[in-house]
Amino acid sequence: MPSESTPLVAQISDRLITAIATGEFLPGSRLPAERDLAGLLHVGRTSVRAALAVLHEHGLIETQRGRGGGSFVRVQWTADSHSAVVRTLRSRWSEIQDRLEAMRRLHGAIARAAAEQRTADDVAALHERLEAYRTAASGRDKQFADASLHLAISDAAKNGTLKSMLLALEQEISIGAPLHVWGEPDGQAASEDRAQREHVLLVDAIAAGDADAADEIARAHARIDLELLEVARQRAERAATVAESRA
């Protein structure tokens, strides 16, 4: 099995640590199976297994056996997380910004198409998903409800190409796509409330057939991901600077 010092394993473990730190996988969440992670990251299962061992050693995940078992997130951050987050986001920041800008524009195009193409059944589904988000518990439940709502918007757009393009871009940023980064516990409630307000405006615009408003609201709403990643990057950078000053 590759060791932590293997560059590929270190790169995989850094990305997984960053995914947990930024809230792609919140405490209690089960990570994708080794085979699925290998496919998502385009690496071998042996390297994924070694990277998961690194996360286990750092106390970020725990393994549960038996039916419904797997690797589950214990905590979002440990003392070892900051350097991994710095390495991952610093090296990919320009790429991440570029991808997120493309995603923002695609979200706008999909919302515009949804406003133009929605049916009465689509509108009913959107209101149902909106209510499911409102009543979901903070954290993982809200995260899954958010993904469900945005998938319903994509379905209402009636354009498989736009939907697949967005999913492909999301998978380049988020290992758990279509789940989005969810930030740290201290800021989750505020972010979730903001998302709720923007979801209402977006669904109302789509239901009313206001394509311009739907496009604008969706593009503004999609900025949340970049803002949460920036918060994580700044936290990690500050911690890294403190650690260097003490060294």
Protein backbone atom coordinates (compact mmCIF):
# COMPACT_ATOMS: atom_id res chain seq x y z
CA MET A 1 0.00 0.00 0.00
CA PRO A 2 1.37 3.47 -0.89
CA SER A 3 2.54 5.46 2.11
CA GLU A 4 1.50 8.99 3.10
CA SER A 5 4.76 10.25 1.60
CA THR A 6 3.74 9.04 -1.88
CA PRO A 7 2.90 12.22 -3.85
CA LEU A 8 -0.33 10.81 -5.28
CA VAL A 9 -1.57 9.57 -1.91
CA ALA A 10 -0.67 12.90 -0.30
CA GLN A 11 -2.57 14.74 -3.03
CA ILE A 12 -5.65 12.55 -2.58
CA SER A 13 -5.59 12.83 1.21
CA ASP A 14 -5.16 16.62 0.99
CA ARG A 15 -8.19 16.89 -1.26
CA LEU A 16 -10.31 14.68 0.99
CA ILE A 17 -9.22 16.63 4.07
CA THR A 18 -10.16 19.85 2.28
CA ALA A 19 -13.53 18.43 1.22
CA ILE A 20 -14.29 17.65 4.86
CA ALA A 21 -12.97 21.00 6.15
CA THR A 22 -15.11 22.99 3.71
CA GLY A 23 -18.22 21.02 4.55
CA GLU A 24 -18.70 18.89 1.45
CA PHE A 25 -18.90 16.00 3.88
CA LEU A 26 -20.22 17.11 7.24
CA PRO A 27 -19.71 15.22 10.52
CA GLY A 28 -21.75 12.04 10.43
CA SER A 29 -21.64 11.84 6.64
CA ARG A 30 -20.46 8.69 4.95
CA LEU A 31 -17.75 9.16 2.35
CA PRO A 32 -18.25 7.50 -1.04
CA ALA A 33 -17.01 3.91 -1.22
CA GLU A 34 -13.37 3.34 -2.23
CA ARG A 35 -14.40 2.26 -5.72
CA ASP A 36 -16.57 5.37 -6.18
CA LEU A 37 -13.87 7.71 -4.85
CA ALA A 38 -11.36 6.14 -7.21
CA GLY A 39 -13.68 6.84 -10.12
CA LEU A 40 -14.44 10.40 -9.02
CA LEU A 41 -10.77 11.24 -8.49
CA HIS A 42 -9.50 9.22 -11.47
CA VAL A 43 -7.02 7.25 -9.38
CA GLY A 44 -6.56 3.65 -8.29
CA ARG A 45 -8.37 2.08 -5.35
CA THR A 46 -5.07 1.24 -3.64
CA SER A 47 -4.14 4.93 -3.52
CA VAL A 48 -7.60 5.84 -2.24
CA ARG A 49 -7.33 3.21 0.49
CA ALA A 50 -3.98 4.63 1.57
CA ALA A 51 -5.37 8.19 1.59
CA LEU A 52 -8.31 7.11 3.73
CA ALA A 53 -5.83 5.55 6.15
CA VAL A 54 -4.18 8.97 6.46
CA LEU A 55 -7.53 10.58 7.32
CA HIS A 56 -8.17 7.85 9.86
CA GLU A 57 -4.79 8.45 11.50
CA HIS A 58 -5.55 12.17 11.72
CA GLY A 59 -8.84 11.44 13.48
CA LEU A 60 -11.06 12.87 10.74
CA ILE A 61 -12.91 9.68 9.90
CA GLU A 62 -13.90 6.42 11.52
CA THR A 63 -14.65 3.09 9.90
CA GLN A 64 -17.83 1.19 10.61
CA ARG A 65 -18.20 -2.44 9.58
CA GLY A 66 -21.22 -4.44 8.51
CA ARG A 67 -24.40 -3.47 6.73
CA GLY A 68 -24.47 0.28 6.13
CA GLY A 69 -20.82 0.56 7.10
CA GLY A 70 -18.05 2.59 5.52
CA SER A 71 -15.91 5.62 6.31
CA PHE A 72 -17.76 8.29 8.31
CA VAL A 73 -16.65 11.84 9.10
CA ARG A 74 -15.96 12.43 12.81
CA VAL A 75 -14.91 16.11 12.79
CA GLN A 76 -14.40 18.82 10.16
CA TRP A 77 -11.02 20.16 11.29
CA THR A 78 -8.05 18.85 13.21
CA ALA A 79 -4.66 20.44 13.84
CA ASP A 80 -3.41 18.66 10.72
CA SER A 81 -6.15 19.99 8.45
CA HIS A 82 -4.84 23.52 7.96
CA SER A 83 -1.72 22.64 6.01
CA ALA A 84 -3.67 20.27 3.73
CA VAL A 85 -6.30 22.93 3.03
CA VAL A 86 -3.60 25.52 2.27
CA ARG A 87 -1.83 23.17 -0.14
CA THR A 88 -5.04 22.19 -1.91
CA LEU A 89 -6.69 25.59 -2.23
CA ARG A 90 -3.50 27.55 -2.83
CA SER A 91 -2.45 25.31 -5.72
CA ARG A 92 -5.95 25.20 -7.25
CA TRP A 93 -7.31 28.64 -6.39
CA SER A 94 -7.16 30.12 -9.88
CA GLU A 95 -8.69 26.96 -11.33
CA ILE A 96 -11.39 26.90 -8.65
CA GLN A 97 -12.33 30.52 -9.32
CA ASP A 98 -12.52 29.80 -13.04
CA ARG A 99 -14.68 26.70 -12.55
CA LEU A 100 -17.00 28.42 -10.09
CA GLU A 101 -17.49 31.37 -12.45
CA ALA A 102 -18.44 28.92 -15.20
CA MET A 103 -20.80 27.14 -12.78
CA ARG A 104 -22.34 30.47 -11.80
CA ARG A 105 -23.11 31.25 -15.43
CA LEU A 106 -24.49 27.76 -16.02
CA HIS A 107 -26.76 28.06 -12.97
CA GLY A 108 -28.07 31.27 -14.51
CA ALA A 109 -28.64 29.65 -17.91
CA ILE A 110 -30.42 26.68 -16.32
CA ALA A 111 -32.65 28.93 -14.22
CA ARG A 112 -33.47 30.99 -17.33
CA ALA A 113 -34.39 27.84 -19.25
CA ALA A 114 -36.45 26.59 -16.29
CA ALA A 115 -38.44 29.85 -16.26
CA GLU A 116 -39.10 29.45 -19.98
CA GLN A 117 -39.82 25.73 -20.05
CA ARG A 118 -41.43 24.93 -16.67
CA THR A 119 -44.71 23.10 -16.50
CA ALA A 120 -47.31 23.11 -13.75
CA ASP A 121 -45.84 19.81 -12.51
CA ASP A 122 -42.36 21.34 -12.43
CA VAL A 123 -43.59 24.29 -10.38
CA ALA A 124 -45.34 21.95 -7.95
CA ALA A 125 -42.11 19.93 -7.60
CA LEU A 126 -40.08 23.08 -6.97
CA HIS A 127 -42.43 24.24 -4.22
CA GLU A 128 -42.30 20.77 -2.68
CA ARG A 129 -38.49 20.77 -2.67
CA LEU A 130 -38.46 24.33 -1.36
CA GLU A 131 -40.64 23.31 1.58
CA ALA A 132 -38.43 20.26 2.18
CA TYR A 133 -35.41 22.56 2.42
CA ARG A 134 -37.23 24.93 4.80
CA THR A 135 -38.17 22.14 7.20
CA ALA A 136 -34.92 20.14 6.98
CA ALA A 137 -32.62 20.09 9.99
CA SER A 138 -29.53 22.27 9.83
CA GLY A 139 -26.43 20.65 8.38
CA ARG A 140 -26.53 17.44 6.37
CA ASP A 141 -30.31 17.39 5.94
CA LYS A 142 -30.33 20.96 4.62
CA GLN A 143 -27.38 20.11 2.34
CA PHE A 144 -29.20 17.17 0.75
CA ALA A 145 -32.43 19.17 0.45
CA ASP A 146 -30.48 21.94 -1.30
CA ALA A 147 -29.07 19.47 -3.84
CA SER A 148 -32.56 18.06 -4.43
CA LEU A 149 -33.99 21.52 -5.10
CA HIS A 150 -31.27 22.43 -7.58
CA LEU A 151 -31.70 19.12 -9.40
CA ALA A 152 -35.41 19.90 -9.72
CA ILE A 153 -34.52 23.28 -11.27
CA SER A 154 -32.26 21.49 -13.76
CA ASP A 155 -35.06 19.07 -14.59
CA ALA A 156 -37.47 21.96 -15.16
CA ALA A 157 -35.03 23.46 -17.68
CA LYS A 158 -35.61 20.46 -20.00
CA ASN A 159 -32.01 20.58 -21.28
CA GLY A 160 -29.88 17.53 -20.58
CA THR A 161 -26.74 19.11 -22.01
CA LEU A 162 -26.82 22.06 -19.61
CA LYS A 163 -27.55 19.70 -16.72
CA SER A 164 -24.67 17.36 -17.56
CA MET A 165 -22.26 20.28 -18.10
CA LEU A 166 -23.07 21.68 -14.67
CA LEU A 167 -22.72 18.29 -12.99
CA ALA A 168 -19.35 17.74 -14.67
CA LEU A 169 -18.07 21.10 -13.42
CA GLU A 170 -19.43 20.48 -9.94
CA GLN A 171 -17.57 17.18 -9.80
CA GLU A 172 -14.31 19.00 -10.55
CA ILE A 173 -14.86 21.16 -7.47
CA SER A 174 -16.96 19.00 -5.17
CA ILE A 175 -16.17 15.31 -4.66
CA GLY A 176 -19.70 14.85 -3.38
CA ALA A 177 -21.43 16.60 -6.30
CA PRO A 178 -24.18 17.65 -6.58
CA LEU A 179 -23.71 18.40 -2.86
CA HIS A 180 -22.19 21.81 -2.27
CA VAL A 181 -19.67 22.99 0.30
CA TRP A 182 -21.55 23.84 3.48
CA GLY A 183 -19.00 25.77 5.51
CA GLU A 184 -18.21 25.45 9.19
CA PRO A 185 -20.77 24.89 11.96
CA ASP A 186 -20.50 28.44 13.33
CA GLY A 187 -21.63 29.99 10.06
CA GLN A 188 -24.01 27.33 8.79
CA ALA A 189 -27.24 28.76 10.21
CA ALA A 190 -26.65 32.16 8.61
CA SER A 191 -25.71 30.61 5.26
CA GLU A 192 -28.73 28.33 5.34
CA ASP A 193 -31.07 31.23 6.10
CA ARG A 194 -29.56 33.23 3.26
CA ALA A 195 -29.95 30.27 0.91
CA GLN A 196 -33.59 29.89 1.97
CA ARG A 197 -34.34 33.52 1.11
CA GLU A 198 -32.62 33.20 -2.26
CA HIS A 199 -34.31 29.86 -2.97
CA VAL A 200 -37.73 31.50 -2.47
CA LEU A 201 -36.87 34.33 -4.85
CA LEU A 202 -35.51 31.89 -7.42
CA VAL A 203 -38.49 29.53 -7.33
CA ASP A 204 -40.90 32.48 -7.49
CA ALA A 205 -39.11 33.86 -10.56
CA ILE A 206 -39.16 30.47 -12.30
CA ALA A 207 -42.81 29.91 -11.45
CA ALA A 208 -43.69 33.37 -12.80
CA GLY A 209 -41.78 32.72 -16.02
CA ASP A 210 -39.47 35.69 -15.36
CA ALA A 211 -36.37 34.42 -17.15
CA ASP A 212 -34.26 37.55 -16.58
CA ALA A 213 -34.89 37.57 -12.83
CA ALA A 214 -34.31 33.80 -12.54
CA ASP A 215 -30.98 34.11 -14.36
CA GLU A 216 -29.81 36.99 -12.16
CA ILE A 217 -30.92 35.41 -8.87
CA ALA A 218 -29.34 32.04 -9.72
CA ARG A 219 -25.99 33.61 -10.63
CA ALA A 220 -25.95 35.62 -7.40
CA HIS A 221 -26.97 32.57 -5.36
CA ALA A 222 -24.12 30.51 -6.82
CA ARG A 223 -21.57 32.88 -5.25
CA ILE A 224 -22.08 31.17 -1.90
CA ASP A 225 -19.71 28.34 -2.79
CA LEU A 226 -16.80 30.68 -3.55
CA GLU A 227 -17.46 32.70 -0.39
CA LEU A 228 -17.39 29.58 1.81
CA LEU A 229 -14.21 28.32 0.16
CA GLU A 230 -12.61 31.72 0.73
CA VAL A 231 -13.51 31.55 4.43
CA ALA A 232 -11.86 28.12 4.70
CA ARG A 233 -8.79 29.30 2.79
CA GLN A 234 -8.34 32.33 5.04
CA ARG A 235 -8.72 30.23 8.20
CA ALA A 236 -6.13 27.74 6.97
CA GLU A 237 -3.74 30.48 5.85
CA ARG A 238 -3.95 32.20 9.25
CA ALA A 239 -3.30 28.95 11.10
CA ALA A 240 -0.37 28.12 8.79
CA THR A 241 1.15 31.55 9.41
CA VAL A 242 0.87 31.10 13.18
CA ALA A 243 2.44 27.65 12.96
CA GLU A 244 5.34 28.98 10.88
CA SER A 245 5.96 31.82 13.34
CA ARG A 246 6.21 29.31 16.19
CA ALA A 247 8.56 27.01 14.32
